[in-house]
C-alpha atoms as a PDB file:
ATOM      1  CA  MET A   1      44.942   2.051  55.598  1.00  0.00           C
ATOM      2  CA  SER A   2      41.347   2.771  56.332  1.00  0.00           C
ATOM      3  CA  PHE A   3      39.145   1.096  58.938  1.00  0.00           C
ATOM      4  CA  ARG A   4      35.337   0.813  58.778  1.00  0.00           C
ATOM      5  CA  ASN A   5      33.605   2.567  61.447  1.00  0.00           C
ATOM      6  CA  SER A   6      31.871  -0.315  63.456  1.00  0.00           C
ATOM      7  CA  HIS A   7      29.107   2.244  64.556  1.00  0.00           C
ATOM      8  CA  THR A   8      28.139   3.210  60.948  1.00  0.00           C
ATOM      9  CA  ALA A   9      24.988   1.275  60.132  1.00  0.00           C
ATOM     10  CA  ASP A  10      24.646  -0.412  56.823  1.00  0.00           C
ATOM     11  CA  PRO A  11      22.032   1.142  54.498  1.00  0.00           C
ATOM     12  CA  VAL A  12      18.484   0.019  55.029  1.00  0.00           C
ATOM     13  CA  PRO A  13      17.006  -1.496  52.057  1.00  0.00           C
ATOM     14  CA  GLU A  14      13.908   0.034  50.642  1.00  0.00           C
ATOM     15  CA  VAL A  15      10.737  -1.683  51.719  1.00  0.00           C
ATOM     16  CA  ARG A  16       8.020  -1.926  49.198  1.00  0.00           C
ATOM     17  CA  THR A  17       4.498  -2.028  50.534  1.00  0.00           C
ATOM     18  CA  GLY A  18       1.494  -3.646  48.947  1.00  0.00           C
ATOM     19  CA  ARG A  19       1.145  -6.776  47.002  1.00  0.00           C
ATOM     20  CA  PRO A  20       3.282  -7.291  43.951  1.00  0.00           C
ATOM     21  CA  ARG A  21       1.530  -7.534  40.604  1.00  0.00           C
ATOM     22  CA  ASP A  22       0.871 -11.133  39.453  1.00  0.00           C
ATOM     23  CA  ALA A  23       1.749 -10.973  35.812  1.00  0.00           C
ATOM     24  CA  ALA A  24      -0.114 -14.257  34.960  1.00  0.00           C
ATOM     25  CA  ARG A  25      -3.256 -12.870  36.721  1.00  0.00           C
ATOM     26  CA  GLU A  26      -2.998  -9.742  34.720  1.00  0.00           C
ATOM     27  CA  VAL A  27      -2.765 -11.564  31.451  1.00  0.00           C
ATOM     28  CA  GLU A  28      -5.957 -13.293  32.462  1.00  0.00           C
ATOM     29  CA  ILE A  29      -7.717 -10.085  33.198  1.00  0.00           C
ATOM     30  CA  LEU A  30      -6.670  -8.525  29.901  1.00  0.00           C
ATOM     31  CA  ALA A  31      -7.838 -11.542  27.898  1.00  0.00           C
ATOM     32  CA  CYS A  32     -11.210 -11.008  29.541  1.00  0.00           C
ATOM     33  CA  VAL A  33     -11.222  -7.316  28.452  1.00  0.00           C
ATOM     34  CA  LEU A  34     -10.603  -8.417  24.799  1.00  0.00           C
ATOM     35  CA  GLU A  35     -13.525 -11.019  25.085  1.00  0.00           C
ATOM     36  CA  LEU A  36     -15.822  -8.284  26.327  1.00  0.00           C
ATOM     37  CA  VAL A  37     -14.834  -5.771  23.729  1.00  0.00           C
ATOM     38  CA  GLY A  38     -15.869  -8.406  21.116  1.00  0.00           C
ATOM     39  CA  GLU A  39     -19.130  -9.118  22.761  1.00  0.00           C
ATOM     40  CA  VAL A  40     -20.410  -5.776  23.876  1.00  0.00           C
ATOM     41  CA  GLY A  41     -18.238  -3.226  22.201  1.00  0.00           C
ATOM     42  CA  TYR A  42     -15.905  -0.505  23.458  1.00  0.00           C
ATOM     43  CA  ASP A  43     -18.544   1.950  24.511  1.00  0.00           C
ATOM     44  CA  ALA A  44     -20.586  -0.526  26.600  1.00  0.00           C
ATOM     45  CA  LEU A  45     -17.444  -2.028  28.187  1.00  0.00           C
ATOM     46  CA  THR A  46     -17.256  -1.354  31.977  1.00  0.00           C
ATOM     47  CA  PHE A  47     -14.919  -2.087  34.901  1.00  0.00           C
ATOM     48  CA  GLU A  48     -17.835  -3.886  36.555  1.00  0.00           C
ATOM     49  CA  ALA A  49     -18.289  -6.299  33.680  1.00  0.00           C
ATOM     50  CA  VAL A  50     -14.537  -6.943  33.434  1.00  0.00           C
ATOM     51  CA  ALA A  51     -14.410  -7.660  37.231  1.00  0.00           C
ATOM     52  CA  ARG A  52     -17.284 -10.101  37.037  1.00  0.00           C
ATOM     53  CA  ARG A  53     -15.793 -11.892  33.898  1.00  0.00           C
ATOM     54  CA  ALA A  54     -12.335 -12.056  35.446  1.00  0.00           C
ATOM     55  CA  ARG A  55     -13.614 -12.830  38.948  1.00  0.00           C
ATOM     56  CA  ALA A  56     -11.630  -9.880  40.266  1.00  0.00           C
ATOM     57  CA  SER A  57     -12.571  -6.864  42.346  1.00  0.00           C
ATOM     58  CA  LYS A  58     -12.998  -3.458  40.917  1.00  0.00           C
ATOM     59  CA  ALA A  59     -10.235  -2.259  43.200  1.00  0.00           C
ATOM     60  CA  THR A  60      -7.876  -4.624  41.574  1.00  0.00           C
ATOM     61  CA  LEU A  61      -8.634  -3.129  38.199  1.00  0.00           C
ATOM     62  CA  TYR A  62      -8.405   0.423  39.354  1.00  0.00           C
ATOM     63  CA  ARG A  63      -5.016  -0.197  40.939  1.00  0.00           C
ATOM     64  CA  ARG A  64      -3.756  -1.315  37.553  1.00  0.00           C
ATOM     65  CA  TRP A  65      -5.610   1.029  35.052  1.00  0.00           C
ATOM     66  CA  GLU A  66      -7.105   4.510  35.886  1.00  0.00           C
ATOM     67  CA  THR A  67      -9.431   4.481  32.844  1.00  0.00           C
ATOM     68  CA  LYS A  68     -11.255   2.090  30.500  1.00  0.00           C
ATOM     69  CA  ARG A  69      -9.167   3.448  27.713  1.00  0.00           C
ATOM     70  CA  ASP A  70      -5.991   2.501  29.598  1.00  0.00           C
ATOM     71  CA  MET A  71      -7.342  -0.901  30.215  1.00  0.00           C
ATOM     72  CA  VAL A  72      -8.243  -1.510  26.629  1.00  0.00           C
ATOM     73  CA  VAL A  73      -4.832  -0.222  25.303  1.00  0.00           C
ATOM     74  CA  ALA A  74      -3.037  -2.606  27.779  1.00  0.00           C
ATOM     75  CA  ALA A  75      -5.173  -5.484  26.536  1.00  0.00           C
ATOM     76  CA  VAL A  76      -4.314  -4.736  22.901  1.00  0.00           C
ATOM     77  CA  LYS A  77      -0.693  -4.381  23.674  1.00  0.00           C
ATOM     78  CA  ALA A  78      -0.629  -7.638  25.530  1.00  0.00           C
ATOM     79  CA  GLY A  79      -2.814  -9.566  23.095  1.00  0.00           C
ATOM     80  CA  PRO A  80      -3.086  -8.782  19.318  1.00  0.00           C
ATOM     81  CA  ALA A  81      -0.235  -6.230  19.211  1.00  0.00           C
ATOM     82  CA  ALA A  82       2.131  -8.165  21.342  1.00  0.00           C
ATOM     83  CA  GLY A  83       4.476  -8.919  18.557  1.00  0.00           C
ATOM     84  CA  THR A  84       4.472  -5.369  17.135  1.00  0.00           C
ATOM     85  CA  SER A  85       7.813  -3.647  16.996  1.00  0.00           C
ATOM     86  CA  ALA A  86       8.199  -0.295  18.492  1.00  0.00           C
ATOM     87  CA  ASP A  87      10.762   0.796  15.919  1.00  0.00           C
ATOM     88  CA  PRO A  88       9.612   3.269  13.306  1.00  0.00           C
ATOM     89  CA  VAL A  89       8.860   2.000   9.805  1.00  0.00           C
ATOM     90  CA  ASP A  90      11.624   2.972   7.571  1.00  0.00           C
ATOM     91  CA  THR A  91      12.433   0.678   4.612  1.00  0.00           C
ATOM     92  CA  GLY A  92      13.687   3.479   2.290  1.00  0.00           C
ATOM     93  CA  SER A  93      10.798   3.534  -0.039  1.00  0.00           C
ATOM     94  CA  LEU A  94       7.095   4.301   0.203  1.00  0.00           C
ATOM     95  CA  ARG A  95       6.148   1.085  -1.342  1.00  0.00           C
ATOM     96  CA  GLY A  96       8.153  -0.792   1.283  1.00  0.00           C
ATOM     97  CA  ASP A  97       6.891   1.224   4.123  1.00  0.00           C
ATOM     98  CA  LEU A  98       3.366   0.697   3.144  1.00  0.00           C
ATOM     99  CA  ILE A  99       3.742  -3.086   2.659  1.00  0.00           C
ATOM    100  CA  ALA A 100       5.522  -3.213   6.108  1.00  0.00           C
ATOM    101  CA  LEU A 101       2.622  -1.441   7.782  1.00  0.00           C
ATOM    102  CA  CYS A 102      -0.032  -3.725   5.931  1.00  0.00           C
ATOM    103  CA  GLU A 103       1.874  -6.695   7.171  1.00  0.00           C
ATOM    104  CA  ARG A 104       1.943  -5.385  10.825  1.00  0.00           C
ATOM    105  CA  LEU A 105      -1.801  -4.647  10.691  1.00  0.00           C
ATOM    106  CA  ALA A 106      -2.625  -8.108   9.054  1.00  0.00           C
ATOM    107  CA  THR A 107      -0.562  -9.849  11.745  1.00  0.00           C
ATOM    108  CA  THR A 108      -2.253  -7.816  14.535  1.00  0.00           C
ATOM    109  CA  MET A 109      -5.678  -8.723  13.088  1.00  0.00           C
ATOM    110  CA  ASP A 110      -4.872 -12.390  12.661  1.00  0.00           C
ATOM    111  CA  ALA A 111      -3.991 -12.543  16.446  1.00  0.00           C
ATOM    112  CA  ALA A 112      -7.432 -11.171  17.292  1.00  0.00           C
ATOM    113  CA  ASP A 113     -10.970 -12.433  17.117  1.00  0.00           C
ATOM    114  CA  PRO A 114     -12.717 -10.915  13.950  1.00  0.00           C
ATOM    115  CA  THR A 115     -15.509  -9.588  15.987  1.00  0.00           C
ATOM    116  CA  MET A 116     -13.221  -7.850  18.551  1.00  0.00           C
ATOM    117  CA  SER A 117     -11.282  -6.434  15.607  1.00  0.00           C
ATOM    118  CA  LEU A 118     -14.562  -4.955  14.174  1.00  0.00           C
ATOM    119  CA  MET A 119     -15.339  -3.488  17.600  1.00  0.00           C
ATOM    120  CA  LEU A 120     -12.005  -1.988  17.919  1.00  0.00           C
ATOM    121  CA  LEU A 121     -12.377  -0.351  14.546  1.00  0.00           C
ATOM    122  CA  HIS A 122     -15.784   0.999  15.574  1.00  0.00           C
ATOM    123  CA  ALA A 123     -14.131   2.203  18.830  1.00  0.00           C
ATOM    124  CA  GLY A 124     -11.925   4.474  16.736  1.00  0.00           C
ATOM    125  CA  LEU A 125     -15.206   6.432  15.947  1.00  0.00           C
ATOM    126  CA  GLU A 126     -16.401   6.417  19.507  1.00  0.00           C
ATOM    127  CA  ASP A 127     -13.032   7.475  21.074  1.00  0.00           C
ATOM    128  CA  PRO A 128     -10.789   8.883  18.431  1.00  0.00           C
ATOM    129  CA  ASP A 129      -7.834   9.166  20.905  1.00  0.00           C
ATOM    130  CA  LEU A 130      -7.955   5.321  21.472  1.00  0.00           C
ATOM    131  CA  CYS A 131      -6.000   4.309  18.493  1.00  0.00           C
ATOM    132  CA  ARG A 132      -3.447   7.079  19.124  1.00  0.00           C
ATOM    133  CA  HIS A 133      -2.841   5.632  22.606  1.00  0.00           C
ATOM    134  CA  ILE A 134      -2.614   2.079  21.281  1.00  0.00           C
ATOM    135  CA  GLU A 135       0.026   3.329  18.640  1.00  0.00           C
ATOM    136  CA  GLU A 136       2.033   5.101  21.393  1.00  0.00           C
ATOM    137  CA  ALA A 137       1.926   1.999  23.535  1.00  0.00           C
ATOM    138  CA  SER A 138       2.592  -0.681  21.058  1.00  0.00           C
ATOM    139  CA  GLY A 139       4.526   1.161  18.207  1.00  0.00           C
ATOM    140  CA  PRO A 140       3.296   1.333  14.658  1.00  0.00           C
ATOM    141  CA  THR A 141       0.570  -1.218  14.328  1.00  0.00           C
ATOM    142  CA  GLY A 142      -0.416  -0.399  10.609  1.00  0.00           C
ATOM    143  CA  ALA A 143      -3.833   1.117  11.577  1.00  0.00           C
ATOM    144  CA  LYS A 144      -2.417   4.560  11.172  1.00  0.00           C
ATOM    145  CA  LEU A 145      -0.017   5.962   8.565  1.00  0.00           C
ATOM    146  CA  PRO A 146       2.848   7.668  10.453  1.00  0.00           C
ATOM    147  CA  ALA A 147       3.616  11.254   9.655  1.00  0.00           C
ATOM    148  CA  SER A 148       7.379  10.185   9.162  1.00  0.00           C
ATOM    149  CA  VAL A 149       6.398   7.844   6.438  1.00  0.00           C
ATOM    150  CA  ILE A 150       4.546  10.488   4.501  1.00  0.00           C
ATOM    151  CA  SER A 151       7.298  13.174   5.051  1.00  0.00           C
ATOM    152  CA  ALA A 152      10.079  10.769   3.878  1.00  0.00           C
ATOM    153  CA  ALA A 153       8.126   9.909   0.824  1.00  0.00           C
ATOM    154  CA  ILE A 154       7.486  13.572  -0.098  1.00  0.00           C
ATOM    155  CA  THR A 155      11.340  14.147   0.443  1.00  0.00           C
ATOM    156  CA  ARG A 156      12.169  11.327  -1.928  1.00  0.00           C
ATOM    157  CA  GLY A 157       9.696  12.745  -4.551  1.00  0.00           C
ATOM    158  CA  GLU A 158       7.326   9.688  -4.178  1.00  0.00           C
ATOM    159  CA  LEU A 159       4.459  11.766  -3.044  1.00  0.00           C
ATOM    160  CA  PRO A 160       3.562  15.375  -3.708  1.00  0.00           C
ATOM    161  CA  ALA A 161       3.670  17.953  -1.023  1.00  0.00           C
ATOM    162  CA  GLY A 162       0.292  17.987   0.948  1.00  0.00           C
ATOM    163  CA  ALA A 163      -0.322  14.136   0.645  1.00  0.00           C
ATOM    164  CA  GLN A 164      -2.586  13.066   3.433  1.00  0.00           C
ATOM    165  CA  PRO A 165      -2.847   9.808   5.384  1.00  0.00           C
ATOM    166  CA  PHE A 166      -6.641   9.532   4.701  1.00  0.00           C
ATOM    167  CA  PRO A 167      -6.551   6.922   1.975  1.00  0.00           C
ATOM    168  CA  PHE A 168      -4.389   4.528   3.882  1.00  0.00           C
ATOM    169  CA  GLU A 169      -6.308   4.913   7.266  1.00  0.00           C
ATOM    170  CA  GLU A 170      -9.684   4.643   5.681  1.00  0.00           C
ATOM    171  CA  ILE A 171      -9.066   1.773   3.334  1.00  0.00           C
ATOM    172  CA  THR A 172      -6.412  -0.621   4.750  1.00  0.00           C
ATOM    173  CA  GLY A 173      -8.011  -1.729   8.111  1.00  0.00           C
ATOM    174  CA  SER A 174     -11.513  -1.953   6.623  1.00  0.00           C
ATOM    175  CA  VAL A 175     -10.292  -4.078   3.626  1.00  0.00           C
ATOM    176  CA  LEU A 176      -8.206  -6.417   5.785  1.00  0.00           C
ATOM    177  CA  LEU A 177     -11.039  -7.001   8.230  1.00  0.00           C
ATOM    178  CA  LEU A 178     -13.551  -7.645   5.561  1.00  0.00           C
ATOM    179  CA  ARG A 179     -11.317 -10.159   3.870  1.00  0.00           C
ATOM    180  CA  ARG A 180     -10.699 -11.914   7.216  1.00  0.00           C
ATOM    181  CA  LEU A 181     -14.398 -12.020   8.091  1.00  0.00           C
ATOM    182  CA  ASN A 182     -15.073 -13.635   4.725  1.00  0.00           C
ATOM    183  CA  GLY A 183     -12.296 -16.045   4.990  1.00  0.00           C
ATOM    184  CA  LEU A 184     -10.306 -14.498   2.022  1.00  0.00           C
ATOM    185  CA  PRO A 185      -6.539 -14.580   2.153  1.00  0.00           C
ATOM    186  CA  ALA A 186      -4.460 -11.448   2.722  1.00  0.00           C
ATOM    187  CA  GLY A 187      -0.890 -12.742   2.002  1.00  0.00           C
ATOM    188  CA  ALA A 188       2.133 -11.046   0.678  1.00  0.00           C
ATOM    189  CA  GLU A 189       0.913 -11.008  -2.869  1.00  0.00           C
ATOM    190  CA  TYR A 190      -2.452  -9.564  -2.046  1.00  0.00           C
ATOM    191  CA  LEU A 191      -0.845  -6.771   0.149  1.00  0.00           C
ATOM    192  CA  ALA A 192       1.594  -5.811  -2.612  1.00  0.00           C
ATOM    193  CA  HIS A 193      -1.333  -5.614  -5.112  1.00  0.00           C
ATOM    194  CA  LEU A 194      -3.234  -3.406  -2.593  1.00  0.00           C
ATOM    195  CA  VAL A 195      -0.387  -1.054  -2.119  1.00  0.00           C
ATOM    196  CA  ASP A 196       0.458  -0.905  -5.891  1.00  0.00           C
ATOM    197  CA  THR A 197      -2.953  -0.420  -7.291  1.00  0.00           C
ATOM    198  CA  VAL A 198      -4.973   1.272  -4.474  1.00  0.00           C
ATOM    199  CA  LEU A 199      -2.883   2.814  -1.752  1.00  0.00           C
ATOM    200  CA  VAL A 200      -0.122   4.534  -3.555  1.00  0.00           C
ATOM    201  CA  PRO A 201      -2.323   6.013  -6.310  1.00  0.00           C
ATOM    202  CA  ALA A 202      -4.824   7.105  -3.683  1.00  0.00           C
ATOM    203  CA  LEU A 203      -2.005   8.724  -1.474  1.00  0.00           C
ATOM    204  CA  ARG A 204      -0.804  10.645  -4.541  1.00  0.00           C
ATOM    205  CA  ALA A 205      -4.138  11.963  -5.326  1.00  0.00           C
ATOM    206  CA  SER A 206      -4.944  12.924  -1.677  1.00  0.00           C
ATOM    207  CA  ALA A 207      -2.780  16.073  -1.958  1.00  0.00           C
ATOM    208  CA  SER A 208      -5.492  17.718  -4.002  1.00  0.00           C
ATOM    209  CA  ALA A 209      -8.211  17.050  -1.405  1.00  0.00           C
ATOM    210  CA  GLU A 210      -9.461  20.242   0.306  1.00  0.00           C
ATOM    211  CA  PRO A 211     -10.080  20.478   3.206  1.00  0.00           C
ATOM    212  CA  PRO A 212      -8.097  17.462   4.751  1.00  0.00           C
ATOM    213  CA  LEU A 213     -10.499  14.566   5.050  1.00  0.00           C
ATOM    214  CA  PRO A 214     -11.032  12.874   8.551  1.00  0.00           C
ATOM    215  CA  ALA A 215     -10.420   9.108   8.413  1.00  0.00           C
ATOM    216  CA  ILE A 216     -11.672   6.575  10.876  1.00  0.00           C
ATOM    217  CA  PHE A 217      -8.429   6.702  12.810  1.00  0.00           C
ATOM    218  CA  SER A 218      -7.909  10.419  12.657  1.00  0.00           C
END
């Protein structure tokens, strides 16, 4: 039989300092970030403007996000891309993968203000790494064509070796945004037609492009 040493002190629980994050308040701040992106664009967005709109201190913002890019990525992840799955796209066919990516992008755009979506597309030109960080934080959004989708399609013989993501990344986001801005539908039938008649043929033809072409999201 063992006896507990009465002189042995119980472990002291770790004491955390500082105020805990208020999740609801963070959602409010990130909503202000998206509003401002839609109004002034990514390049003109500042911590000062977000602080004024959200009625928060700049210190509060800097405690949460080190850079403007981090703040915008968090806003997209919490807002338009909130329902995006982090799982890779792998339906077993190129057509299925492309349709799945188009559906993800259409869903993301439907959850965002059209002007904000336009500004984020433009932000891809101003800060090419922004979209990569959004993809890494949110999972495949459909804005970029994952290398795994291309390599799997090449392995299955659906695409020639050397196929490039340029056609998908240059066309898909722009087309879906234009249709949204003009009140045109982009449902399942349209997305399938886009994939079959535009994206698949263009991806097959991209293997002959020399040198590799830079897309908006490259």
